[in-house]
Amino acid sequence: MRIYIDADGCPVVDTAVSIARGKGIPVTIVKNHSHIIESDYATVITVDNSRDSADFYIANHSTKGDVVITQDNGLAAMCLAKGSLVINQNGVVITSDNIDAMLYSRHVHRELRQRGIYTSKSGKRSRDQDINFRIAFKRLLDKLING
């Protein structure tokens, strides 16, 4: 098992690495050249700045049983198809049961933006979101480790 972090814009990189380190699980952080991320534990992969480069790297390298942390539902769908487990930055575990609704919502919001109808982005990250991620991520890893 390996943890892949889609680090472009991910607010929980340090938290995820810290938890993984405590459990002895290897981590690969994938980022583009625009982000400066260093780790004394995780492997940091830098990809080019073209759109979705980090996503394609993760989709091509993750395997069944790996854990992927991403806020990109398109990447989540690709990883689920390969048998990876997916969790987003808010602690929502993405599964085959909820991915279709998430992809549909992404599609609707994209269409609204293209029509010039404003769809708000989420506001400033809250402490509760950080806590929810920490709890859900630990729970997911414990479930994988303990069977």
N, C-alpha and C. Protein backbone atom coordinates (compact mmCIF):
# COMPACT_ATOMS: atom_id res chain seq x y z
N MET A 1 0.85 -1.18 0.00
CA MET A 1 0.00 0.00 0.00
C MET A 1 0.89 1.24 0.00
N ARG A 2 0.50 2.21 -0.80
CA ARG A 2 1.18 3.50 -0.88
C ARG A 2 0.10 4.57 -0.89
N ILE A 3 0.42 5.72 -0.35
CA ILE A 3 -0.48 6.86 -0.37
C ILE A 3 0.03 7.85 -1.40
N TYR A 4 -0.85 8.25 -2.31
CA TYR A 4 -0.54 9.28 -3.30
C TYR A 4 -1.33 10.53 -2.94
N ILE A 5 -0.63 11.66 -2.92
CA ILE A 5 -1.29 12.93 -2.63
C ILE A 5 -1.23 13.82 -3.86
N ASP A 6 -2.40 14.21 -4.34
CA ASP A 6 -2.52 15.19 -5.42
C ASP A 6 -2.32 16.54 -4.75
N ALA A 7 -1.07 17.00 -4.73
CA ALA A 7 -0.69 18.12 -3.86
C ALA A 7 -0.97 19.50 -4.43
N ASP A 8 -1.34 19.61 -5.69
CA ASP A 8 -1.63 20.92 -6.26
C ASP A 8 -2.87 21.51 -5.59
N GLY A 9 -2.64 22.44 -4.68
CA GLY A 9 -3.75 23.07 -3.98
C GLY A 9 -4.32 22.26 -2.83
N CYS A 10 -3.63 21.22 -2.40
CA CYS A 10 -4.13 20.35 -1.34
C CYS A 10 -3.74 20.91 0.03
N PRO A 11 -4.73 21.21 0.89
CA PRO A 11 -4.44 21.81 2.19
C PRO A 11 -4.04 20.82 3.28
N VAL A 12 -4.03 19.51 2.98
CA VAL A 12 -3.79 18.52 4.03
C VAL A 12 -2.53 17.69 3.80
N VAL A 13 -1.60 18.19 3.00
CA VAL A 13 -0.39 17.44 2.69
C VAL A 13 0.38 17.10 3.97
N ASP A 14 0.67 18.09 4.79
CA ASP A 14 1.46 17.85 6.00
C ASP A 14 0.74 16.91 6.97
N THR A 15 -0.55 17.08 7.11
CA THR A 15 -1.33 16.21 7.99
C THR A 15 -1.28 14.77 7.51
N ALA A 16 -1.49 14.57 6.22
CA ALA A 16 -1.49 13.22 5.65
C ALA A 16 -0.13 12.56 5.80
N VAL A 17 0.93 13.30 5.53
CA VAL A 17 2.28 12.74 5.65
C VAL A 17 2.57 12.37 7.10
N SER A 18 2.18 13.22 8.01
CA SER A 18 2.41 12.95 9.43
C SER A 18 1.69 11.67 9.89
N ILE A 19 0.46 11.52 9.49
CA ILE A 19 -0.31 10.32 9.86
C ILE A 19 0.29 9.08 9.21
N ALA A 20 0.65 9.17 7.94
CA ALA A 20 1.24 8.04 7.23
C ALA A 20 2.57 7.64 7.85
N ARG A 21 3.37 8.61 8.20
CA ARG A 21 4.66 8.33 8.84
C ARG A 21 4.45 7.55 10.13
N GLY A 22 3.47 7.97 10.92
CA GLY A 22 3.18 7.30 12.18
C GLY A 22 2.77 5.85 12.00
N LYS A 23 2.24 5.53 10.83
CA LYS A 23 1.79 4.16 10.55
C LYS A 23 2.78 3.41 9.66
N GLY A 24 3.86 4.09 9.26
CA GLY A 24 4.88 3.45 8.43
C GLY A 24 4.45 3.18 7.00
N ILE A 25 3.55 3.98 6.48
CA ILE A 25 3.04 3.80 5.12
C ILE A 25 3.77 4.76 4.19
N PRO A 26 4.32 4.27 3.08
CA PRO A 26 5.02 5.16 2.16
C PRO A 26 4.06 6.14 1.47
N VAL A 27 4.59 7.33 1.20
CA VAL A 27 3.80 8.41 0.61
C VAL A 27 4.52 8.96 -0.62
N THR A 28 3.74 9.22 -1.66
CA THR A 28 4.24 9.94 -2.83
C THR A 28 3.40 11.20 -2.98
N ILE A 29 4.08 12.34 -2.94
CA ILE A 29 3.43 13.63 -3.15
C ILE A 29 3.69 14.02 -4.59
N VAL A 30 2.62 14.32 -5.33
CA VAL A 30 2.76 14.70 -6.73
C VAL A 30 2.29 16.15 -6.87
N LYS A 31 3.19 16.98 -7.41
CA LYS A 31 2.92 18.41 -7.54
C LYS A 31 3.49 18.91 -8.85
N ASN A 32 3.06 20.11 -9.25
CA ASN A 32 3.67 20.69 -10.44
C ASN A 32 4.75 21.69 -10.03
N HIS A 33 5.44 22.26 -11.01
CA HIS A 33 6.56 23.17 -10.75
C HIS A 33 6.16 24.42 -9.99
N SER A 34 4.89 24.77 -9.98
CA SER A 34 4.44 25.99 -9.33
C SER A 34 4.42 25.89 -7.81
N HIS A 35 4.48 24.68 -7.29
CA HIS A 35 4.38 24.48 -5.84
C HIS A 35 5.73 24.04 -5.29
N ILE A 36 6.06 24.58 -4.14
CA ILE A 36 7.29 24.17 -3.46
C ILE A 36 6.89 23.32 -2.26
N ILE A 37 7.19 22.05 -2.34
CA ILE A 37 6.87 21.12 -1.27
C ILE A 37 8.10 20.24 -1.06
N GLU A 38 8.51 20.14 0.18
CA GLU A 38 9.63 19.26 0.53
C GLU A 38 9.18 18.37 1.67
N SER A 39 9.78 17.18 1.74
CA SER A 39 9.45 16.26 2.82
C SER A 39 10.66 15.40 3.12
N ASP A 40 10.89 15.17 4.40
CA ASP A 40 11.97 14.27 4.78
C ASP A 40 11.46 12.83 4.90
N TYR A 41 10.18 12.63 4.62
CA TYR A 41 9.60 11.28 4.67
C TYR A 41 9.07 10.82 3.32
N ALA A 42 8.30 11.67 2.69
CA ALA A 42 7.62 11.30 1.44
C ALA A 42 8.52 11.49 0.23
N THR A 43 8.22 10.73 -0.81
CA THR A 43 8.83 10.95 -2.11
C THR A 43 8.04 12.08 -2.79
N VAL A 44 8.75 13.10 -3.26
CA VAL A 44 8.09 14.22 -3.92
C VAL A 44 8.39 14.15 -5.41
N ILE A 45 7.32 14.05 -6.20
CA ILE A 45 7.43 13.99 -7.65
C ILE A 45 6.94 15.33 -8.21
N THR A 46 7.77 15.95 -9.05
CA THR A 46 7.39 17.21 -9.68
C THR A 46 7.11 16.95 -11.15
N VAL A 47 5.92 17.32 -11.58
CA VAL A 47 5.51 17.16 -12.98
C VAL A 47 5.42 18.53 -13.61
N ASP A 48 5.25 18.58 -14.93
CA ASP A 48 5.17 19.89 -15.59
C ASP A 48 3.87 20.59 -15.25
N ASN A 49 3.78 21.84 -15.64
CA ASN A 49 2.63 22.67 -15.28
C ASN A 49 1.41 22.48 -16.17
N SER A 50 1.49 21.63 -17.18
CA SER A 50 0.33 21.46 -18.04
C SER A 50 -0.83 20.86 -17.26
N ARG A 51 -2.00 21.20 -17.72
CA ARG A 51 -3.22 20.82 -17.01
C ARG A 51 -3.29 19.31 -16.79
N ASP A 52 -3.59 18.90 -15.59
CA ASP A 52 -3.82 17.52 -15.20
C ASP A 52 -2.57 16.64 -15.21
N SER A 53 -1.38 17.22 -15.28
CA SER A 53 -0.16 16.40 -15.26
C SER A 53 -0.05 15.58 -13.98
N ALA A 54 -0.31 16.22 -12.85
CA ALA A 54 -0.25 15.49 -11.57
C ALA A 54 -1.31 14.39 -11.53
N ASP A 55 -2.49 14.70 -12.03
CA ASP A 55 -3.57 13.71 -12.05
C ASP A 55 -3.18 12.49 -12.89
N PHE A 56 -2.63 12.74 -14.06
CA PHE A 56 -2.26 11.62 -14.93
C PHE A 56 -1.12 10.80 -14.33
N TYR A 57 -0.20 11.46 -13.66
CA TYR A 57 0.88 10.72 -13.00
C TYR A 57 0.29 9.76 -11.96
N ILE A 58 -0.59 10.29 -11.12
CA ILE A 58 -1.19 9.47 -10.07
C ILE A 58 -2.04 8.35 -10.67
N ALA A 59 -2.84 8.67 -11.66
CA ALA A 59 -3.69 7.65 -12.29
C ALA A 59 -2.85 6.54 -12.92
N ASN A 60 -1.69 6.88 -13.46
CA ASN A 60 -0.83 5.89 -14.11
C ASN A 60 0.00 5.08 -13.12
N HIS A 61 0.24 5.60 -11.92
CA HIS A 61 1.12 4.90 -10.98
C HIS A 61 0.40 4.24 -9.81
N SER A 62 -0.79 4.70 -9.47
CA SER A 62 -1.51 4.08 -8.35
C SER A 62 -2.03 2.72 -8.77
N THR A 63 -2.12 1.83 -7.80
CA THR A 63 -2.58 0.48 -8.05
C THR A 63 -3.64 0.08 -7.02
N LYS A 64 -4.18 -1.09 -7.21
CA LYS A 64 -5.20 -1.60 -6.31
C LYS A 64 -4.66 -1.61 -4.87
N GLY A 65 -5.47 -1.07 -3.96
CA GLY A 65 -5.10 -1.05 -2.56
C GLY A 65 -4.36 0.21 -2.13
N ASP A 66 -3.92 1.04 -3.08
CA ASP A 66 -3.31 2.31 -2.72
C ASP A 66 -4.39 3.28 -2.27
N VAL A 67 -3.98 4.32 -1.57
CA VAL A 67 -4.89 5.38 -1.14
C VAL A 67 -4.50 6.65 -1.87
N VAL A 68 -5.49 7.32 -2.44
CA VAL A 68 -5.26 8.57 -3.17
C VAL A 68 -6.02 9.68 -2.45
N ILE A 69 -5.30 10.78 -2.19
CA ILE A 69 -5.92 11.97 -1.60
C ILE A 69 -6.01 13.01 -2.70
N THR A 70 -7.24 13.38 -3.06
CA THR A 70 -7.44 14.37 -4.12
C THR A 70 -8.77 15.07 -3.95
N GLN A 71 -8.82 16.30 -4.45
CA GLN A 71 -10.09 17.01 -4.51
C GLN A 71 -10.64 17.00 -5.92
N ASP A 72 -9.96 16.30 -6.82
CA ASP A 72 -10.37 16.23 -8.23
C ASP A 72 -11.20 14.96 -8.44
N ASN A 73 -12.47 15.15 -8.73
CA ASN A 73 -13.36 13.99 -8.88
C ASN A 73 -13.07 13.18 -10.14
N GLY A 74 -12.53 13.81 -11.17
CA GLY A 74 -12.12 13.07 -12.36
C GLY A 74 -11.00 12.10 -12.05
N LEU A 75 -9.99 12.57 -11.31
CA LEU A 75 -8.91 11.69 -10.86
C LEU A 75 -9.45 10.61 -9.94
N ALA A 76 -10.36 10.98 -9.06
CA ALA A 76 -10.95 10.00 -8.15
C ALA A 76 -11.60 8.85 -8.93
N ALA A 77 -12.33 9.19 -9.97
CA ALA A 77 -13.00 8.17 -10.78
C ALA A 77 -11.98 7.23 -11.44
N MET A 78 -10.90 7.81 -11.98
CA MET A 78 -9.87 6.97 -12.61
C MET A 78 -9.22 6.03 -11.59
N CYS A 79 -8.95 6.54 -10.41
CA CYS A 79 -8.30 5.72 -9.38
C CYS A 79 -9.24 4.64 -8.83
N LEU A 80 -10.51 4.98 -8.67
CA LEU A 80 -11.49 3.98 -8.23
C LEU A 80 -11.55 2.83 -9.23
N ALA A 81 -11.49 3.14 -10.51
CA ALA A 81 -11.54 2.11 -11.55
C ALA A 81 -10.35 1.16 -11.46
N LYS A 82 -9.25 1.62 -10.92
CA LYS A 82 -8.06 0.79 -10.77
C LYS A 82 -8.04 0.04 -9.43
N GLY A 83 -9.01 0.31 -8.58
CA GLY A 83 -9.07 -0.38 -7.28
C GLY A 83 -8.39 0.37 -6.15
N SER A 84 -8.03 1.63 -6.40
CA SER A 84 -7.47 2.45 -5.32
C SER A 84 -8.61 2.97 -4.45
N LEU A 85 -8.26 3.33 -3.23
CA LEU A 85 -9.22 3.97 -2.33
C LEU A 85 -8.97 5.47 -2.40
N VAL A 86 -10.04 6.25 -2.34
CA VAL A 86 -9.91 7.69 -2.54
C VAL A 86 -10.59 8.44 -1.40
N ILE A 87 -9.91 9.48 -0.93
CA ILE A 87 -10.46 10.37 0.09
C ILE A 87 -10.15 11.79 -0.33
N ASN A 88 -11.07 12.71 -0.07
CA ASN A 88 -10.78 14.10 -0.43
C ASN A 88 -10.27 14.88 0.77
N GLN A 89 -9.94 16.13 0.56
CA GLN A 89 -9.32 16.96 1.59
C GLN A 89 -10.23 17.26 2.76
N ASN A 90 -11.52 16.97 2.61
CA ASN A 90 -12.47 17.19 3.70
C ASN A 90 -12.82 15.91 4.45
N GLY A 91 -12.17 14.81 4.08
CA GLY A 91 -12.41 13.55 4.77
C GLY A 91 -13.54 12.73 4.19
N VAL A 92 -14.04 13.11 3.03
CA VAL A 92 -15.09 12.33 2.37
C VAL A 92 -14.42 11.20 1.60
N VAL A 93 -14.79 9.97 1.97
CA VAL A 93 -14.29 8.81 1.24
C VAL A 93 -15.13 8.68 -0.02
N ILE A 94 -14.44 8.69 -1.16
CA ILE A 94 -15.14 8.61 -2.44
C ILE A 94 -15.17 7.16 -2.88
N THR A 95 -16.37 6.70 -3.20
CA THR A 95 -16.57 5.29 -3.55
C THR A 95 -17.38 5.19 -4.84
N SER A 96 -17.55 3.98 -5.30
CA SER A 96 -18.39 3.76 -6.49
C SER A 96 -19.84 4.15 -6.20
N ASP A 97 -20.23 4.22 -4.94
CA ASP A 97 -21.59 4.60 -4.58
C ASP A 97 -21.85 6.10 -4.68
N ASN A 98 -20.80 6.93 -4.54
CA ASN A 98 -21.04 8.37 -4.55
C ASN A 98 -20.32 9.12 -5.68
N ILE A 99 -19.47 8.46 -6.44
CA ILE A 99 -18.70 9.17 -7.46
C ILE A 99 -19.59 9.71 -8.59
N ASP A 100 -20.62 8.99 -8.98
CA ASP A 100 -21.47 9.47 -10.08
C ASP A 100 -22.13 10.80 -9.72
N ALA A 101 -22.62 10.92 -8.51
CA ALA A 101 -23.25 12.17 -8.07
C ALA A 101 -22.22 13.30 -8.03
N MET A 102 -21.01 12.99 -7.61
CA MET A 102 -19.96 14.01 -7.54
C MET A 102 -19.57 14.47 -8.95
N LEU A 103 -19.45 13.53 -9.87
CA LEU A 103 -19.11 13.90 -11.25
C LEU A 103 -20.23 14.70 -11.90
N TYR A 104 -21.48 14.34 -11.62
CA TYR A 104 -22.61 15.09 -12.17
C TYR A 104 -22.61 16.52 -11.64
N SER A 105 -22.36 16.67 -10.35
CA SER A 105 -22.31 18.01 -9.75
C SER A 105 -21.20 18.84 -10.39
N ARG A 106 -20.05 18.22 -10.63
CA ARG A 106 -18.94 18.92 -11.29
C ARG A 106 -19.36 19.38 -12.68
N HIS A 107 -20.06 18.53 -13.40
CA HIS A 107 -20.53 18.85 -14.75
C HIS A 107 -21.51 20.03 -14.72
N VAL A 108 -22.46 19.99 -13.83
CA VAL A 108 -23.47 21.06 -13.74
C VAL A 108 -22.79 22.39 -13.40
N HIS A 109 -21.87 22.38 -12.45
CA HIS A 109 -21.20 23.62 -12.07
C HIS A 109 -20.33 24.16 -13.20
N ARG A 110 -19.71 23.29 -13.96
CA ARG A 110 -18.91 23.73 -15.10
C ARG A 110 -19.82 24.39 -16.15
N GLU A 111 -20.97 23.78 -16.42
CA GLU A 111 -21.90 24.37 -17.38
C GLU A 111 -22.39 25.74 -16.92
N LEU A 112 -22.68 25.88 -15.64
CA LEU A 112 -23.13 27.17 -15.11
C LEU A 112 -22.04 28.23 -15.25
N ARG A 113 -20.79 27.85 -14.97
CA ARG A 113 -19.70 28.82 -15.13
C ARG A 113 -19.54 29.22 -16.59
N GLN A 114 -19.68 28.26 -17.50
CA GLN A 114 -19.55 28.57 -18.93
C GLN A 114 -20.65 29.52 -19.41
N ARG A 115 -21.80 29.45 -18.79
CA ARG A 115 -22.92 30.34 -19.14
C ARG A 115 -22.81 31.69 -18.44
N GLY A 116 -21.79 31.85 -17.63
CA GLY A 116 -21.60 33.12 -16.93
C GLY A 116 -22.37 33.21 -15.64
N ILE A 117 -22.97 32.12 -15.23
CA ILE A 117 -23.69 32.10 -13.96
C ILE A 117 -22.67 31.74 -12.89
N TYR A 118 -22.50 32.60 -11.95
CA TYR A 118 -21.47 32.44 -10.93
C TYR A 118 -21.81 31.27 -10.00
N THR A 119 -20.85 30.42 -9.81
CA THR A 119 -20.98 29.38 -8.78
C THR A 119 -19.82 29.59 -7.83
N SER A 120 -20.14 29.81 -6.59
CA SER A 120 -19.11 30.18 -5.62
C SER A 120 -18.19 29.01 -5.32
N LYS A 121 -16.96 29.37 -5.10
CA LYS A 121 -15.98 28.41 -4.61
C LYS A 121 -16.15 28.35 -3.10
N SER A 122 -15.61 27.31 -2.51
CA SER A 122 -15.72 27.22 -1.06
C SER A 122 -14.90 28.32 -0.40
N GLY A 123 -15.31 28.72 0.76
CA GLY A 123 -14.64 29.78 1.50
C GLY A 123 -13.36 29.29 2.15
N LYS A 124 -12.87 30.07 3.07
CA LYS A 124 -11.65 29.73 3.79
C LYS A 124 -11.82 28.40 4.51
N ARG A 125 -10.77 27.62 4.48
CA ARG A 125 -10.80 26.30 5.13
C ARG A 125 -10.97 26.45 6.63
N SER A 126 -11.85 25.62 7.19
CA SER A 126 -12.13 25.71 8.62
C SER A 126 -11.35 24.66 9.41
N ARG A 127 -11.23 24.90 10.67
CA ARG A 127 -10.58 23.95 11.58
C ARG A 127 -11.36 22.63 11.59
N ASP A 128 -12.69 22.71 11.52
CA ASP A 128 -13.51 21.50 11.51
C ASP A 128 -13.20 20.62 10.29
N GLN A 129 -12.95 21.25 9.14
CA GLN A 129 -12.59 20.46 7.95
C GLN A 129 -11.28 19.73 8.16
N ASP A 130 -10.31 20.39 8.80
CA ASP A 130 -9.04 19.73 9.10
C ASP A 130 -9.24 18.56 10.05
N ILE A 131 -10.06 18.75 11.06
CA ILE A 131 -10.34 17.68 12.03
C ILE A 131 -11.06 16.52 11.34
N ASN A 132 -12.06 16.84 10.50
CA ASN A 132 -12.80 15.79 9.79
C ASN A 132 -11.86 14.97 8.90
N PHE A 133 -10.94 15.65 8.21
CA PHE A 133 -9.99 14.91 7.37
C PHE A 133 -9.13 13.99 8.23
N ARG A 134 -8.58 14.52 9.29
CA ARG A 134 -7.69 13.74 10.16
C ARG A 134 -8.39 12.47 10.67
N ILE A 135 -9.60 12.63 11.16
CA ILE A 135 -10.36 11.50 11.70
C ILE A 135 -10.66 10.47 10.60
N ALA A 136 -11.18 10.94 9.47
CA ALA A 136 -11.56 10.02 8.39
C ALA A 136 -10.34 9.33 7.79
N PHE A 137 -9.23 10.04 7.64
CA PHE A 137 -8.02 9.46 7.06
C PHE A 137 -7.45 8.39 8.00
N LYS A 138 -7.37 8.68 9.27
CA LYS A 138 -6.89 7.68 10.24
C LYS A 138 -7.80 6.45 10.23
N ARG A 139 -9.10 6.68 10.20
CA ARG A 139 -10.07 5.58 10.19
C ARG A 139 -9.90 4.71 8.94
N LEU A 140 -9.72 5.35 7.78
CA LEU A 140 -9.52 4.62 6.53
C LEU A 140 -8.25 3.78 6.59
N LEU A 141 -7.16 4.35 7.06
CA LEU A 141 -5.89 3.61 7.13
C LEU A 141 -5.97 2.48 8.15
N ASP A 142 -6.59 2.74 9.28
CA ASP A 142 -6.74 1.67 10.30
C ASP A 142 -7.54 0.52 9.75
N LYS A 143 -8.59 0.81 8.99
CA LYS A 143 -9.41 -0.23 8.39
C LYS A 143 -8.59 -1.05 7.40
N LEU A 144 -7.74 -0.40 6.62
CA LEU A 144 -6.90 -1.11 5.65
C LEU A 144 -5.84 -1.96 6.35
N ILE A 145 -5.24 -1.41 7.38
CA ILE A 145 -4.18 -2.12 8.09
C ILE A 145 -4.72 -3.32 8.86
N ASN A 146 -5.86 -3.14 9.50
CA ASN A 146 -6.43 -4.19 10.34
C ASN A 146 -7.37 -5.14 9.60
N GLY A 147 -7.55 -4.91 8.33
CA GLY A 147 -8.41 -5.79 7.53
C GLY A 147 -9.82 -5.45 7.70
